[in-house]
Amino acid sequence: MVEKEGIIREYKKREYFEKPSTILNRKKKAIQRKLLKKSRKGRADY
């Protein structure tokens, strides 16, 4: 139930202070990885 609520993930995220710029960079990298994965998936259809 705790895992379902996301409490453990939230705790790990808040365990250490992260600068706002670091958070932004991490989110940008995650978006890039997602787009790259999506583009690779699209090429496999040929």
C-alpha atoms as a PDB file:
ATOM      1  CA  MET A   1       0.000   0.000   0.000  1.00  0.00           C
ATOM      2  CA  VAL A   2       2.861   2.367   0.876  1.00  0.00           C
ATOM      3  CA  GLU A   3       4.555   1.632  -2.445  1.00  0.00           C
ATOM      4  CA  LYS A   4       1.295   2.226  -4.290  1.00  0.00           C
ATOM      5  CA  GLU A   5       0.966   5.662  -2.705  1.00  0.00           C
ATOM      6  CA  GLY A   6       4.487   6.580  -3.816  1.00  0.00           C
ATOM      7  CA  ILE A   7       5.685   7.407  -0.318  1.00  0.00           C
ATOM      8  CA  ILE A   8       9.003   5.574  -0.651  1.00  0.00           C
ATOM      9  CA  ARG A   9       9.771   7.248  -3.981  1.00  0.00           C
ATOM     10  CA  GLU A  10       8.872  10.636  -2.508  1.00  0.00           C
ATOM     11  CA  TYR A  11      11.125  10.020   0.498  1.00  0.00           C
ATOM     12  CA  LYS A  12      14.089   9.081  -1.679  1.00  0.00           C
ATOM     13  CA  LYS A  13      13.532  12.165  -3.815  1.00  0.00           C
ATOM     14  CA  ARG A  14      13.547  14.444  -0.760  1.00  0.00           C
ATOM     15  CA  GLU A  15      16.337  12.662   1.124  1.00  0.00           C
ATOM     16  CA  TYR A  16      18.953  15.155  -0.076  1.00  0.00           C
ATOM     17  CA  PHE A  17      18.609  18.780  -1.142  1.00  0.00           C
ATOM     18  CA  GLU A  18      18.851  19.316  -4.870  1.00  0.00           C
ATOM     19  CA  LYS A  19      19.441  22.679  -6.451  1.00  0.00           C
ATOM     20  CA  PRO A  20      16.638  23.814  -8.757  1.00  0.00           C
ATOM     21  CA  SER A  21      19.060  23.861 -11.699  1.00  0.00           C
ATOM     22  CA  THR A  22      19.963  20.213 -11.033  1.00  0.00           C
ATOM     23  CA  ILE A  23      16.300  19.233 -10.977  1.00  0.00           C
ATOM     24  CA  LEU A  24      15.722  21.060 -14.256  1.00  0.00           C
ATOM     25  CA  ASN A  25      18.707  19.382 -15.915  1.00  0.00           C
ATOM     26  CA  ARG A  26      17.534  15.951 -14.745  1.00  0.00           C
ATOM     27  CA  LYS A  27      14.056  16.553 -16.163  1.00  0.00           C
ATOM     28  CA  LYS A  28      15.478  17.749 -19.497  1.00  0.00           C
ATOM     29  CA  LYS A  29      17.662  14.642 -19.770  1.00  0.00           C
ATOM     30  CA  ALA A  30      14.685  12.428 -18.992  1.00  0.00           C
ATOM     31  CA  ILE A  31      12.674  14.079 -21.777  1.00  0.00           C
ATOM     32  CA  GLN A  32      15.566  13.636 -24.220  1.00  0.00           C
ATOM     33  CA  ARG A  33      15.866   9.938 -23.336  1.00  0.00           C
ATOM     34  CA  LYS A  34      12.124   9.501 -23.813  1.00  0.00           C
ATOM     35  CA  LEU A  35      12.200  11.194 -27.230  1.00  0.00           C
ATOM     36  CA  LEU A  36      15.247   9.183 -28.311  1.00  0.00           C
ATOM     37  CA  LYS A  37      13.568   5.947 -27.292  1.00  0.00           C
ATOM     38  CA  LYS A  38      10.401   6.964 -29.142  1.00  0.00           C
ATOM     39  CA  SER A  39      12.353   7.838 -32.301  1.00  0.00           C
ATOM     40  CA  ARG A  40      14.214   4.530 -32.219  1.00  0.00           C
ATOM     41  CA  LYS A  41      10.944   2.670 -31.852  1.00  0.00           C
ATOM     42  CA  GLY A  42       9.529   4.486 -34.870  1.00  0.00           C
ATOM     43  CA  ARG A  43      12.458   3.463 -37.087  1.00  0.00           C
ATOM     44  CA  ALA A  44      11.924  -0.242 -36.386  1.00  0.00           C
ATOM     45  CA  ASP A  45       8.705  -0.162 -38.431  1.00  0.00           C
ATOM     46  CA  TYR A  46      10.544   0.156 -41.763  1.00  0.00           C
END
